[in-house]
Amino acid sequence: MTSRVYVNLYGVTRRYGGPQEGGWWFDVGAPIECHPIRGSMVRALNVADWIQDRLDAIRKGQGRRAPVIVALAEEHPARPWPVQRPRYS
């Protein structure tokens, strides 16, 4: 059975969460691109892995200050995450 799945690209940054335990940080994902994929989640995972390999090779050549971009296979179009700011527990 085929369904609609997506390969979403996100720019990932770190945000300061608070001073507890000497300070903690969390990841924030901002949508960059959304690619609908016809087929199974396995196919979408393979496409996301292929894209991520290329992104990693480009980033490696740019050094540590290059932006972090991740490719994820998901069942929904790209949307910012996290939905709510995490709390320290």
Protein backbone atom coordinates (compact mmCIF):
# COMPACT_ATOMS: atom_id res chain seq x y z
CA MET A 1 0.00 0.00 0.00
CA THR A 2 1.31 3.43 -0.87
CA SER A 3 0.75 6.50 1.24
CA ARG A 4 2.00 10.04 1.35
CA VAL A 5 5.14 10.48 3.39
CA TYR A 6 7.59 13.36 3.38
CA VAL A 7 11.30 13.97 3.45
CA ASN A 8 11.66 17.20 5.37
CA LEU A 9 14.80 19.29 5.70
CA TYR A 10 15.36 21.31 8.86
CA GLY A 11 17.93 23.84 9.94
CA VAL A 12 18.91 22.89 13.48
CA THR A 13 20.13 25.34 16.10
CA ARG A 14 20.66 25.14 19.85
CA ARG A 15 18.77 27.30 22.35
CA TYR A 16 19.63 27.95 25.95
CA GLY A 17 17.16 26.17 28.23
CA GLY A 18 18.17 27.56 31.60
CA PRO A 19 20.79 27.67 34.35
CA GLN A 20 19.86 24.38 36.08
CA GLU A 21 22.73 21.91 36.57
CA GLY A 22 25.23 24.39 35.17
CA GLY A 23 23.10 25.24 32.12
CA TRP A 24 21.26 23.14 29.57
CA TRP A 25 20.45 23.51 25.90
CA PHE A 26 17.88 22.05 23.51
CA ASP A 27 17.63 21.60 19.72
CA VAL A 28 15.25 23.64 17.59
CA GLY A 29 14.32 22.63 14.04
CA ALA A 30 13.21 25.23 11.47
CA PRO A 31 11.69 23.87 8.24
CA ILE A 32 13.72 24.52 5.09
CA GLU A 33 12.15 22.20 2.50
CA CYS A 34 9.41 19.58 2.26
CA HIS A 35 9.47 16.81 -0.37
CA PRO A 36 6.37 14.61 -0.70
CA ILE A 37 7.30 11.00 -1.44
CA ARG A 38 4.87 8.49 -2.91
CA GLY A 39 5.44 5.09 -1.40
CA SER A 40 6.34 3.56 1.89
CA MET A 41 8.11 4.99 4.90
CA VAL A 42 11.02 2.68 4.03
CA ARG A 43 11.40 4.46 0.69
CA ALA A 44 11.23 7.86 2.41
CA LEU A 45 13.88 6.74 4.93
CA ASN A 46 16.16 5.68 2.07
CA VAL A 47 15.71 9.06 0.35
CA ALA A 48 16.33 10.93 3.63
CA ASP A 49 19.50 8.88 4.25
CA TRP A 50 20.74 9.63 0.72
CA ILE A 51 20.11 13.36 1.18
CA GLN A 52 21.70 13.36 4.66
CA ASP A 53 24.85 11.69 3.33
CA ARG A 54 25.26 14.49 0.79
CA LEU A 55 24.50 17.20 3.35
CA ASP A 56 27.09 15.72 5.72
CA ALA A 57 29.73 15.65 2.95
CA ILE A 58 29.06 19.31 2.13
CA ARG A 59 29.17 20.32 5.81
CA LYS A 60 32.43 18.43 6.35
CA GLY A 61 34.04 20.52 3.64
CA GLN A 62 32.76 23.77 5.18
CA GLY A 63 34.08 23.28 8.69
CA ARG A 64 32.56 23.57 12.16
CA ARG A 65 30.71 26.83 11.57
CA ALA A 66 28.60 25.42 8.72
CA PRO A 67 24.86 25.32 9.42
CA VAL A 68 23.44 22.01 10.60
CA ILE A 69 20.77 20.66 8.27
CA VAL A 70 19.01 17.36 8.85
CA ALA A 71 16.82 15.31 6.52
CA LEU A 72 14.01 13.40 8.24
CA ALA A 73 11.39 11.00 6.86
CA GLU A 74 8.07 11.92 8.47
CA GLU A 75 4.35 11.30 8.05
CA HIS A 76 3.58 15.04 7.88
CA PRO A 77 4.84 18.10 6.00
CA ALA A 78 7.72 19.98 7.61
CA ARG A 79 6.83 21.93 10.74
CA PRO A 80 8.92 23.67 13.42
CA TRP A 81 9.94 21.67 16.48
CA PRO A 82 9.71 21.42 19.37
CA VAL A 83 6.07 22.48 19.54
CA GLN A 84 6.57 23.72 23.10
CA ARG A 85 9.73 24.88 24.78
CA PRO A 86 11.07 22.01 26.90
CA ARG A 87 11.20 22.36 30.66
CA TYR A 88 13.98 21.18 32.89
CA SER A 89 12.92 18.29 35.12
